[in-house]
N, C-alpha and C. Protein backbone atom coordinates (compact mmCIF):
# COMPACT_ATOMS: atom_id res chain seq x y z
N MET A 1 1.09 -1.13 -0.02
CA MET A 1 -0.09 0.25 0.15
C MET A 1 1.13 1.29 -0.11
N GLU A 2 0.56 2.06 -0.51
CA GLU A 2 1.23 3.73 -1.48
C GLU A 2 1.27 4.25 0.12
N THR A 3 2.24 5.06 0.60
CA THR A 3 1.98 5.46 1.77
C THR A 3 1.75 7.20 1.31
N LEU A 4 0.63 7.76 2.23
CA LEU A 4 -0.46 8.99 1.50
C LEU A 4 0.19 9.93 2.34
N LEU A 5 0.54 9.80 3.64
CA LEU A 5 0.55 11.38 4.68
C LEU A 5 2.46 11.30 5.19
N LYS A 6 3.18 12.49 4.89
CA LYS A 6 4.32 12.25 5.64
C LYS A 6 4.32 13.65 6.61
N ILE A 7 4.60 12.69 7.93
CA ILE A 7 4.83 13.42 8.97
C ILE A 7 5.84 14.09 9.65
N THR A 8 6.17 15.16 9.68
CA THR A 8 7.37 15.69 10.01
C THR A 8 7.39 16.84 11.08
N THR A 9 7.82 16.07 12.49
CA THR A 9 8.29 16.93 13.86
C THR A 9 9.02 18.47 13.98
N VAL A 10 8.89 19.20 14.34
CA VAL A 10 9.84 20.01 15.00
C VAL A 10 10.08 19.77 16.15
N PRO A 11 11.51 20.29 16.67
CA PRO A 11 11.58 20.32 18.39
C PRO A 11 11.53 21.89 18.39
N MET A 12 11.38 21.52 19.39
CA MET A 12 11.61 22.76 20.73
C MET A 12 13.17 23.43 20.57
N GLU A 13 13.22 24.61 20.10
CA GLU A 13 14.75 25.10 20.65
C GLU A 13 14.51 26.33 21.30
N TYR A 14 15.84 26.27 22.41
CA TYR A 14 16.00 27.26 22.92
C TYR A 14 17.08 27.58 23.76
N GLU A 15 17.54 28.91 24.36
CA GLU A 15 19.03 29.62 24.52
C GLU A 15 18.83 29.77 26.19
N LEU A 16 20.00 29.07 26.96
CA LEU A 16 20.26 29.65 28.06
C LEU A 16 21.25 30.38 28.21
N LYS A 17 21.19 31.69 29.02
CA LYS A 17 21.61 32.48 29.44
C LYS A 17 22.09 32.42 31.00
N ILE A 18 22.98 32.05 31.00
CA ILE A 18 23.61 31.89 32.59
C ILE A 18 23.95 32.98 32.96
N HIS A 19 24.17 33.78 34.14
CA HIS A 19 25.03 35.11 34.83
C HIS A 19 25.22 34.34 36.07
N ASN A 20 27.06 34.48 36.52
CA ASN A 20 26.95 33.94 37.60
C ASN A 20 26.98 34.63 38.78
N ALA A 21 26.81 34.34 39.94
CA ALA A 21 26.87 35.48 41.25
C ALA A 21 28.10 36.00 41.35
N ARG A 22 27.88 37.00 41.77
CA ARG A 22 29.25 38.00 41.70
C ARG A 22 29.31 39.21 43.43
N LEU A 23 30.43 40.02 43.63
CA LEU A 23 30.44 40.78 44.36
C LEU A 23 31.09 41.87 44.18
N GLU A 24 30.20 43.06 44.11
CA GLU A 24 30.60 44.69 43.45
C GLU A 24 30.86 44.91 44.98
N TYR A 25 31.98 45.99 44.92
CA TYR A 25 33.07 46.44 46.05
C TYR A 25 32.90 48.08 45.40
N SER A 26 32.14 49.19 45.99
CA SER A 26 31.90 50.51 45.66
C SER A 26 32.70 51.20 47.02
N SER A 27 33.80 51.91 46.98
CA SER A 27 34.41 52.66 47.72
C SER A 27 34.07 54.25 47.88
N SER A 28 33.89 55.03 49.01
CA SER A 28 33.92 56.15 49.12
C SER A 28 34.67 56.85 49.84
N LYS A 29 34.74 58.33 49.28
CA LYS A 29 36.19 59.36 49.69
C LYS A 29 35.92 59.49 51.62
N SER A 30 37.37 59.85 52.11
CA SER A 30 36.67 60.10 53.29
C SER A 30 36.66 61.66 53.07
N GLN A 31 36.26 62.77 53.95
CA GLN A 31 35.75 64.16 54.37
C GLN A 31 35.73 64.53 55.03
N LEU A 32 36.70 65.63 54.99
CA LEU A 32 37.03 66.76 56.26
C LEU A 32 36.19 67.96 56.19
N ILE A 33 35.04 68.36 57.33
CA ILE A 33 34.48 69.08 57.15
C ILE A 33 34.78 70.51 58.28
N THR A 34 34.94 71.46 57.97
CA THR A 34 35.50 72.50 59.07
C THR A 34 34.58 73.57 58.86
N ASP A 35 34.44 73.59 60.06
CA ASP A 35 33.38 74.97 60.47
C ASP A 35 33.89 75.61 61.57
N ARG A 36 33.90 77.48 60.80
CA ARG A 36 34.54 78.30 61.61
C ARG A 36 33.60 79.69 62.21
N ILE A 37 33.36 79.61 63.25
CA ILE A 37 32.60 80.39 63.89
C ILE A 37 33.62 81.55 64.40
N LYS A 38 33.08 82.62 63.37
CA LYS A 38 34.26 83.88 63.99
C LYS A 38 33.88 84.74 65.23
N GLY A 39 34.57 84.92 65.91
CA GLY A 39 34.37 85.47 67.52
C GLY A 39 34.69 87.41 67.23
N GLY A 40 35.00 88.52 68.26
CA GLY A 40 34.98 89.35 67.79
C GLY A 40 35.09 90.29 69.11
N LEU A 41 35.02 91.44 69.09
CA LEU A 41 35.34 92.52 70.42
C LEU A 41 33.81 93.22 70.48
N THR A 42 33.35 92.78 71.89
CA THR A 42 31.98 93.94 71.63
C THR A 42 32.03 94.61 73.39
N ILE A 43 32.30 96.13 72.64
CA ILE A 43 32.24 96.88 73.58
C ILE A 43 30.89 97.92 73.98
N LYS A 44 30.47 97.61 75.16
CA LYS A 44 29.14 98.53 75.58
C LYS A 44 29.62 99.61 76.28
N ASN A 45 29.21 100.89 75.94
CA ASN A 45 29.64 102.39 76.67
C ASN A 45 28.39 103.04 77.07
N ARG A 46 27.97 103.31 78.98
CA ARG A 46 27.02 103.97 79.04
C ARG A 46 27.42 105.59 79.30
N PRO A 47 27.45 106.54 78.93
CA PRO A 47 28.18 107.51 79.43
C PRO A 47 27.13 108.25 80.79
N ILE A 48 27.92 108.84 81.48
CA ILE A 48 27.02 109.47 82.63
C ILE A 48 25.84 110.20 82.20
N LYS A 49 25.35 109.94 82.81
CA LYS A 49 23.26 110.80 82.72
C LYS A 49 23.36 111.61 83.80
N LEU A 50 23.18 113.22 83.47
CA LEU A 50 22.88 114.02 84.16
C LEU A 50 21.51 114.74 84.11
N HIS A 51 21.03 114.51 85.28
CA HIS A 51 19.38 115.04 85.54
C HIS A 51 19.45 116.58 86.52
N LEU A 52 19.15 117.19 85.64
CA LEU A 52 19.34 119.03 86.27
C LEU A 52 18.08 119.32 86.33
N ASP A 53 17.30 119.71 87.55
CA ASP A 53 15.97 120.09 87.48
C ASP A 53 15.92 121.57 88.49
N THR A 54 15.99 122.94 87.92
CA THR A 54 16.11 124.24 88.19
C THR A 54 14.40 124.65 88.74
N TYR A 55 13.84 123.63 88.44
CA TYR A 55 12.44 124.38 88.71
C TYR A 55 12.20 125.26 89.78
N ASP A 56 12.66 124.96 91.19
CA ASP A 56 12.29 125.31 92.52
C ASP A 56 13.42 126.71 92.12
N ALA A 57 14.58 126.90 91.84
CA ALA A 57 15.35 127.49 91.87
C ALA A 57 15.07 128.91 90.45
N ARG A 58 14.31 128.58 89.91
CA ARG A 58 13.50 129.50 88.83
C ARG A 58 12.61 130.10 89.55
N ASN A 59 11.66 129.47 90.22
CA ASN A 59 10.51 129.57 91.19
C ASN A 59 10.80 131.31 92.34
N SER A 60 12.03 130.86 92.77
CA SER A 60 12.52 131.94 93.82
C SER A 60 12.58 133.03 92.90
N VAL A 61 13.24 133.21 91.99
CA VAL A 61 13.62 134.68 91.00
C VAL A 61 12.57 135.05 90.29
N CYS A 62 12.07 134.23 89.54
CA CYS A 62 10.54 134.73 88.57
C CYS A 62 9.69 133.16 88.80
N PRO A 63 9.02 133.54 89.52
CA PRO A 63 7.96 132.31 89.94
C PRO A 63 7.16 132.16 88.40
N THR A 64 6.14 130.95 88.23
CA THR A 64 5.83 130.98 87.21
C THR A 64 4.61 131.74 87.70
N THR A 65 3.27 131.56 86.68
CA THR A 65 2.11 132.38 86.81
C THR A 65 1.38 131.38 87.81
N MET A 66 1.33 129.97 87.97
CA MET A 66 1.17 128.90 88.86
C MET A 66 1.43 129.36 90.15
N GLU A 67 2.69 129.22 90.38
CA GLU A 67 3.27 129.84 91.66
C GLU A 67 3.09 130.76 92.05
N SER A 68 2.82 132.14 91.63
CA SER A 68 2.70 133.38 91.84
C SER A 68 0.84 133.46 92.32
N VAL A 69 0.71 132.85 91.78
CA VAL A 69 -1.22 132.56 92.62
C VAL A 69 -0.84 132.13 93.91
N ARG A 70 -0.25 130.68 94.09
CA ARG A 70 -0.20 130.17 95.36
C ARG A 70 0.29 130.57 96.41
N GLN A 71 1.92 131.41 95.57
CA GLN A 71 2.28 132.25 96.97
C GLN A 71 1.64 133.76 97.55
N ALA A 72 0.69 134.35 96.15
CA ALA A 72 -0.34 135.67 96.62
C ALA A 72 -1.45 134.83 97.38
N ALA A 73 -1.84 133.62 96.94
CA ALA A 73 -2.83 133.04 97.81
C ALA A 73 -2.20 132.96 99.64
N THR A 74 -1.32 132.67 99.58
CA THR A 74 -0.22 131.90 100.91
C THR A 74 -0.26 133.37 101.74
N LYS A 75 0.22 134.50 101.42
CA LYS A 75 0.47 135.81 101.92
C LYS A 75 -1.07 136.43 102.59
N GLY A 76 -2.06 136.17 101.26
CA GLY A 76 -3.15 136.57 101.72
C GLY A 76 -3.84 136.38 102.54
N LYS A 77 -3.68 134.47 103.12
CA LYS A 77 -4.13 133.86 103.89
C LYS A 77 -3.81 134.45 105.22
N SER A 78 -1.71 134.64 105.03
CA SER A 78 -1.42 135.12 106.70
C SER A 78 -1.94 136.45 106.62
N ALA A 79 -2.24 137.13 105.95
CA ALA A 79 -2.16 138.63 106.01
C ALA A 79 -3.66 138.77 106.67
N ALA A 80 -4.65 137.85 106.15
CA ALA A 80 -6.35 138.06 106.88
C ALA A 80 -5.98 137.91 108.38
N LEU A 81 -5.29 136.54 108.63
CA LEU A 81 -4.98 135.81 109.78
C LEU A 81 -4.31 136.91 110.81
N GLU A 82 -3.15 137.53 110.44
CA GLU A 82 -2.92 138.91 111.20
C GLU A 82 -3.63 139.90 111.59
N ALA A 83 -4.47 140.31 110.46
CA ALA A 83 -5.36 141.38 110.77
C ALA A 83 -6.55 140.96 111.78
N THR A 84 -6.81 139.71 111.62
CA THR A 84 -8.25 139.19 112.31
C THR A 84 -7.30 139.43 114.08
N ALA A 85 -6.08 138.92 113.81
CA ALA A 85 -5.60 138.88 115.70
C ALA A 85 -5.32 140.27 115.93
N THR A 86 -5.03 140.92 115.07
CA THR A 86 -5.08 142.83 115.37
C THR A 86 -5.99 142.90 115.78
N TYR A 87 -7.36 143.09 114.84
CA TYR A 87 -8.60 143.42 115.67
C TYR A 87 -9.22 143.18 116.74
N ALA A 88 -8.51 141.99 117.19
CA ALA A 88 -9.34 141.04 118.27
C ALA A 88 -8.70 141.69 119.08
N LYS A 89 -7.51 142.02 119.18
CA LYS A 89 -6.48 142.72 120.17
C LYS A 89 -6.99 144.05 120.25
N GLU A 90 -7.19 144.86 119.34
CA GLU A 90 -7.51 146.18 119.63
C GLU A 90 -9.26 146.22 119.99
N GLY A 91 -10.06 145.27 119.68
CA GLY A 91 -11.11 145.31 120.38
C GLY A 91 -11.12 144.81 121.55
N ALA A 92 -10.17 143.74 122.01
CA ALA A 92 -10.33 143.86 123.49
C ALA A 92 -9.60 145.06 124.53
N MET A 93 -9.24 145.76 123.46
CA MET A 93 -8.20 146.84 124.28
C MET A 93 -9.60 148.20 124.34
N LEU A 94 -10.09 148.17 123.89
CA LEU A 94 -11.30 149.04 123.39
C LEU A 94 -12.40 148.80 125.04
N LEU A 95 -12.47 147.25 125.30
CA LEU A 95 -13.39 146.93 126.07
C LEU A 95 -13.01 146.94 127.32
N ASP A 96 -11.80 146.90 127.54
CA ASP A 96 -10.56 147.24 129.19
C ASP A 96 -10.89 148.43 129.11
N PRO A 97 -11.41 148.44 130.47
CA PRO A 97 -12.43 149.50 131.74
C PRO A 97 -10.82 150.15 132.17
N LYS A 98 -10.01 149.64 132.16
CA LYS A 98 -8.15 149.78 132.77
C LYS A 98 -7.54 150.95 131.96
N ILE A 99 -8.08 150.53 130.45
CA ILE A 99 -7.18 151.67 129.42
C ILE A 99 -7.67 152.55 129.58
N THR A 100 -7.50 154.16 130.11
CA THR A 100 -7.88 155.12 129.69
C THR A 100 -7.94 155.62 128.88
N ASN A 101 -7.36 155.96 127.82
CA ASN A 101 -7.39 156.31 125.97
C ASN A 101 -6.90 155.39 125.22
N PRO A 102 -7.83 154.10 125.03
CA PRO A 102 -7.48 153.13 124.18
C PRO A 102 -7.06 153.17 122.88
N LEU A 103 -7.81 154.79 122.37
CA LEU A 103 -7.88 154.88 120.98
C LEU A 103 -6.07 155.75 120.84
N ASP A 104 -5.54 156.50 121.74
CA ASP A 104 -4.36 156.67 121.51
C ASP A 104 -2.93 155.31 121.43
N VAL A 105 -3.84 154.49 122.30
CA VAL A 105 -2.58 153.67 122.52
C VAL A 105 -2.94 152.66 120.76
N ILE A 106 -3.76 152.55 120.57
CA ILE A 106 -3.85 151.58 119.21
C ILE A 106 -3.36 152.54 117.65
N PHE A 107 -3.39 153.95 117.90
CA PHE A 107 -2.81 154.76 116.89
C PHE A 107 -1.10 155.05 117.52
N SER A 108 -0.89 155.06 118.35
CA SER A 108 0.48 154.69 118.47
C SER A 108 1.47 153.45 118.41
N GLN A 109 0.76 152.41 118.53
CA GLN A 109 1.34 150.74 117.96
C GLN A 109 1.24 151.16 116.54
N ARG A 110 0.07 151.34 115.77
CA ARG A 110 0.41 151.38 114.26
C ARG A 110 0.87 152.53 113.75
N ALA A 111 1.23 153.51 114.28
CA ALA A 111 2.50 154.46 113.77
C ALA A 111 3.78 153.80 114.13
N GLN A 112 3.66 152.59 114.80
CA GLN A 112 5.36 152.71 115.34
C GLN A 112 5.99 152.29 114.22
N GLN A 113 7.53 152.16 114.15
CA GLN A 113 8.29 151.67 113.28
C GLN A 113 8.51 150.20 113.49
N PRO A 114 8.58 149.77 112.23
CA PRO A 114 8.97 148.03 112.41
C PRO A 114 10.05 147.72 113.41
N THR A 115 10.67 147.09 114.10
CA THR A 115 11.38 146.62 114.77
C THR A 115 11.37 145.25 114.46
N GLY A 116 12.85 144.76 114.40
CA GLY A 116 13.67 143.56 114.51
C GLY A 116 14.87 143.40 113.60
N ASP A 117 15.05 142.00 113.43
CA ASP A 117 15.94 141.77 112.63
C ASP A 117 15.69 141.70 111.62
N PHE A 118 16.36 142.27 110.60
CA PHE A 118 16.32 142.25 108.98
C PHE A 118 17.40 141.35 108.33
N GLY A 119 17.11 140.48 107.40
CA GLY A 119 18.24 139.37 106.92
C GLY A 119 18.44 139.93 105.54
N LEU A 120 19.51 139.69 105.14
CA LEU A 120 19.74 139.74 103.50
C LEU A 120 19.80 138.27 102.82
N ARG A 121 19.14 138.52 102.00
CA ARG A 121 19.13 137.08 100.85
C ARG A 121 19.77 137.34 99.78
N PHE A 122 20.12 136.02 99.19
CA PHE A 122 20.41 136.26 97.69
C PHE A 122 19.45 135.54 96.89
N LEU A 123 19.27 135.95 95.49
CA LEU A 123 18.57 135.41 94.75
C LEU A 123 19.50 134.23 93.46
N PRO A 124 19.02 132.96 93.65
CA PRO A 124 17.95 132.37 93.93
C PRO A 124 18.07 131.57 95.21
N THR A 125 17.03 131.56 96.19
CA THR A 125 17.12 131.21 97.06
C THR A 125 17.24 129.68 97.52
N THR A 126 17.27 128.80 96.34
CA THR A 126 16.94 127.38 96.29
C THR A 126 18.35 126.84 95.10
N GLY A 127 18.79 126.15 95.43
CA GLY A 127 19.68 125.93 94.13
C GLY A 127 19.32 124.81 93.17
N PRO A 128 19.61 124.34 92.25
CA PRO A 128 18.81 123.20 90.91
C PRO A 128 19.30 121.68 91.65
N ASP A 129 18.37 120.85 91.49
CA ASP A 129 18.30 119.50 92.32
C ASP A 129 19.10 118.75 90.63
N ILE A 130 20.07 118.39 91.27
CA ILE A 130 21.26 117.56 90.56
C ILE A 130 21.10 116.42 90.87
N GLU A 131 21.28 115.49 90.01
CA GLU A 131 21.22 113.92 90.03
C GLU A 131 22.06 113.48 88.77
N TRP A 132 22.77 112.19 88.94
CA TRP A 132 23.54 111.94 88.06
C TRP A 132 23.91 110.28 88.31
N SER A 133 24.00 109.73 87.26
CA SER A 133 23.93 108.20 87.30
C SER A 133 25.29 107.78 86.33
N ASP A 134 25.91 106.94 87.35
CA ASP A 134 27.49 106.47 87.31
C ASP A 134 27.82 106.02 85.50
N PRO A 135 28.55 106.07 85.03
CA PRO A 135 28.50 105.63 84.01
C PRO A 135 29.02 104.82 83.77
N ASP A 136 29.06 103.45 82.40
CA ASP A 136 29.06 102.02 82.43
C ASP A 136 30.21 101.66 81.07
N LEU A 137 31.27 101.19 81.17
CA LEU A 137 32.08 100.68 80.18
C LEU A 137 31.93 99.06 80.21
N SER A 138 31.66 98.27 79.22
CA SER A 138 31.62 96.66 79.68
C SER A 138 32.38 96.34 78.15
N MET A 139 33.27 95.60 78.33
CA MET A 139 34.29 94.75 76.90
C MET A 139 34.36 93.47 76.92
N GLN A 140 33.76 93.00 76.19
CA GLN A 140 34.05 91.29 75.84
C GLN A 140 34.32 90.77 74.47
N TYR A 141 35.23 90.09 74.92
CA TYR A 141 36.29 89.78 73.94
C TYR A 141 35.96 88.25 73.29
N GLN A 142 35.55 87.70 72.46
CA GLN A 142 35.48 86.15 72.12
C GLN A 142 36.21 85.74 71.04
N ILE A 143 37.34 84.69 71.41
CA ILE A 143 38.00 84.12 70.34
C ILE A 143 37.42 83.43 69.03
N ASP A 144 37.47 83.28 67.94
CA ASP A 144 37.43 82.36 66.99
C ASP A 144 37.54 81.08 67.39
N LYS A 145 36.41 79.86 66.87
CA LYS A 145 36.08 78.58 66.72
C LYS A 145 36.07 77.86 65.77
N LEU A 146 36.63 76.85 66.20
CA LEU A 146 36.87 76.08 64.89
C LEU A 146 36.75 74.78 65.56
N SER A 147 35.84 73.95 64.15
CA SER A 147 35.24 72.77 64.80
C SER A 147 35.40 71.84 63.14
N PHE A 148 35.66 70.43 63.73
CA PHE A 148 36.16 69.83 62.70
C PHE A 148 35.75 68.11 62.67
N ASP A 149 35.15 67.71 61.49
CA ASP A 149 34.00 66.73 61.49
C ASP A 149 34.83 65.72 60.25
N ILE A 150 35.02 64.59 60.26
CA ILE A 150 35.80 63.58 59.59
C ILE A 150 34.74 62.58 59.39
N LYS A 151 34.42 62.20 58.32
CA LYS A 151 33.44 61.25 57.98
C LYS A 151 34.68 60.45 57.09
N VAL A 152 34.74 59.19 57.48
CA VAL A 152 35.54 57.95 57.43
C VAL A 152 34.88 57.04 56.03
N ALA A 153 36.14 57.14 55.28
CA ALA A 153 35.32 56.04 54.10
C ALA A 153 35.18 54.47 54.69
N ASN A 154 34.04 53.94 54.63
CA ASN A 154 33.85 52.69 54.86
C ASN A 154 33.39 51.70 53.66
N GLY A 155 33.26 52.35 52.28
CA GLY A 155 33.04 51.32 51.23
C GLY A 155 31.42 50.20 51.64
N ASN A 156 31.65 49.79 50.22
CA ASN A 156 29.82 49.21 50.16
C ASN A 156 30.29 47.74 49.15
N ILE A 157 29.99 46.83 49.83
CA ILE A 157 30.01 45.38 49.62
C ILE A 157 28.45 45.16 48.94
N GLU A 158 28.11 44.98 47.69
CA GLU A 158 26.81 44.24 47.25
C GLU A 158 27.06 42.92 46.88
N PHE A 159 26.00 42.33 47.08
CA PHE A 159 26.43 40.59 46.56
C PHE A 159 25.16 40.27 45.37
N ILE A 160 25.41 40.12 44.39
CA ILE A 160 24.32 40.56 43.66
C ILE A 160 24.43 38.67 42.62
N PRO A 161 22.97 38.23 43.11
CA PRO A 161 23.05 36.44 43.14
C PRO A 161 23.25 36.39 41.52
N GLY A 162 23.45 35.08 41.31
CA GLY A 162 23.26 34.62 39.87
C GLY A 162 21.91 34.59 39.46
N ASN A 163 21.71 34.23 37.86
CA ASN A 163 20.74 34.27 37.44
C ASN A 163 20.52 33.67 36.17
N ILE A 164 19.88 32.87 35.54
CA ILE A 164 19.52 31.87 34.51
C ILE A 164 18.05 32.17 33.86
N GLU A 165 18.81 32.83 32.11
CA GLU A 165 17.82 33.15 31.47
C GLU A 165 17.41 32.13 30.63
N LEU A 166 16.31 31.54 30.37
CA LEU A 166 15.51 30.91 29.38
C LEU A 166 14.89 31.65 28.08
N SER A 167 14.99 31.56 27.01
CA SER A 167 14.93 32.11 25.84
C SER A 167 14.39 31.01 24.82
N ILE A 168 13.13 30.87 24.75
CA ILE A 168 12.62 30.00 23.43
C ILE A 168 13.16 30.75 21.96
N THR A 169 13.39 29.95 21.49
CA THR A 169 13.81 30.62 19.89
C THR A 169 13.03 29.97 18.76
N GLN A 170 12.38 28.76 19.38
CA GLN A 170 11.22 27.79 18.21
C GLN A 170 10.34 27.08 19.15
N MET A 171 9.08 27.32 18.88
CA MET A 171 8.23 26.52 19.16
C MET A 171 8.12 25.06 19.01
N PRO A 172 7.84 23.82 19.63
CA PRO A 172 7.78 22.71 19.16
C PRO A 172 6.13 22.76 17.91
N ASP A 173 6.68 21.70 16.93
CA ASP A 173 5.32 21.70 15.73
C ASP A 173 5.19 20.35 15.29
N VAL A 174 4.44 20.12 14.52
CA VAL A 174 3.89 19.02 13.74
C VAL A 174 3.76 19.33 12.23
N ASN A 175 3.94 18.86 11.39
CA ASN A 175 3.84 19.29 10.30
C ASN A 175 3.43 17.87 9.36
N ILE A 176 1.98 18.02 8.71
CA ILE A 176 1.40 16.84 8.31
C ILE A 176 1.42 16.82 6.77
N GLU A 177 1.81 16.56 5.73
CA GLU A 177 2.00 16.85 4.22
C GLU A 177 1.03 15.43 3.51
N TYR A 178 0.05 15.55 2.65
CA TYR A 178 -0.69 14.39 2.02
C TYR A 178 0.48 14.22 0.52
N ILE A 179 1.01 12.87 0.64
CA ILE A 179 1.70 12.95 -0.84
C ILE A 179 1.21 11.56 -1.50
N GLY A 180 -0.04 11.43 -1.23
CA GLY A 180 -0.37 10.55 -2.19
C GLY A 180 -1.21 11.17 -3.36
N LYS A 181 -1.57 10.07 -4.15
CA LYS A 181 -2.36 10.71 -5.32
C LYS A 181 -3.81 11.13 -5.24
N PRO A 182 -4.56 12.22 -5.86
CA PRO A 182 -6.06 12.48 -5.77
C PRO A 182 -7.15 10.79 -5.92
N LEU A 183 -7.72 11.18 -5.14
CA LEU A 183 -8.63 9.74 -5.26
C LEU A 183 -10.17 10.26 -5.68
N TYR A 184 -10.44 9.73 -6.62
CA TYR A 184 -11.73 10.15 -7.68
C TYR A 184 -12.66 9.06 -7.54
N VAL A 185 -13.59 9.48 -7.52
CA VAL A 185 -14.83 8.70 -7.23
C VAL A 185 -15.97 8.53 -8.45
N PRO A 186 -16.06 7.80 -9.70
CA PRO A 186 -15.55 6.28 -9.56
C PRO A 186 -14.13 6.11 -9.83
N PRO A 187 -13.19 5.36 -9.09
CA PRO A 187 -11.84 5.53 -9.82
C PRO A 187 -11.70 5.57 -11.35
N SER A 188 -12.73 5.26 -12.03
CA SER A 188 -12.21 5.26 -13.61
C SER A 188 -12.37 6.84 -14.14
N ALA A 189 -12.57 7.67 -12.64
CA ALA A 189 -12.80 9.00 -13.71
C ALA A 189 -11.66 9.43 -13.45
N ALA A 190 -9.90 8.63 -13.14
CA ALA A 190 -8.84 9.05 -13.12
C ALA A 190 -8.31 9.41 -14.52
N ASN A 191 -8.77 8.54 -15.47
CA ASN A 191 -8.10 8.37 -16.65
C ASN A 191 -8.63 9.85 -17.26
N TYR A 192 -9.57 10.32 -17.11
CA TYR A 192 -10.02 11.53 -17.70
C TYR A 192 -9.27 12.84 -17.20
N PHE A 193 -8.33 12.60 -15.95
CA PHE A 193 -7.42 13.58 -15.82
C PHE A 193 -6.05 13.53 -16.02
N ASN A 194 -5.29 12.55 -16.77
CA ASN A 194 -3.97 12.48 -17.05
C ASN A 194 -3.81 13.40 -18.66
N HIS A 195 -3.74 14.51 -18.26
CA HIS A 195 -3.56 15.76 -19.08
C HIS A 195 -2.72 16.55 -18.46
N THR A 196 -1.74 17.12 -19.38
CA THR A 196 -0.75 18.10 -18.77
C THR A 196 -1.79 19.45 -18.50
N PRO A 197 -1.27 20.16 -17.62
CA PRO A 197 -2.16 21.27 -16.94
C PRO A 197 -2.28 22.43 -18.42
N VAL A 198 -3.27 23.24 -18.39
CA VAL A 198 -3.28 24.14 -19.27
C VAL A 198 -2.62 25.56 -19.15
N ASP A 199 -1.96 25.93 -20.18
CA ASP A 199 -1.03 27.60 -19.06
C ASP A 199 -2.28 28.13 -19.67
N ILE A 200 -2.79 29.07 -18.74
CA ILE A 200 -3.66 30.06 -19.02
C ILE A 200 -3.08 31.48 -19.61
N PHE A 201 -1.82 31.61 -18.65
CA PHE A 201 -1.44 32.75 -19.28
C PHE A 201 -0.60 32.72 -20.50
N ALA A 202 -0.88 31.52 -21.67
CA ALA A 202 -0.05 31.95 -22.71
C ALA A 202 -1.29 32.55 -23.77
């Protein structure tokens, strides 16, 4: 019996890439960091402060309006008290029967020249009020400061594990090819097809 089918198998093809495990070392540089804090000289000076109050001294020479009113009121009050005392004394003399002529006594007392000690004073009677605060001087000196920071290189070791890559370049396949002659029904019809192909492009 004639073989009618041709079966061809195509095997699978693949490619393996193997990467071995390895250690990688990366080094770093040591660093020296310097920081400087600048010092300096600080001087604080507070000069003497003078507080001069001449209010009372000026009022003793040329008082202000308010001070003049106050002094005038004080003198008026004193004069009223003295006049009241004088009038009371003179009224008592007028009522005293032992005094034969009280009006002559009163007039003679009023006409008398003033007696007593007279003082000499200089103006202004009050000096200025002087106050002061002591001066102050402070000095502060600070030297420069240096700070160092050293960073030592430690390095870095990294382990990279191995790796296997599988790449399939050709998939498996089965090719089935019919290699027999055509089968005609009925078989006697095969005689009608034994001719050369007709060239349709001629």
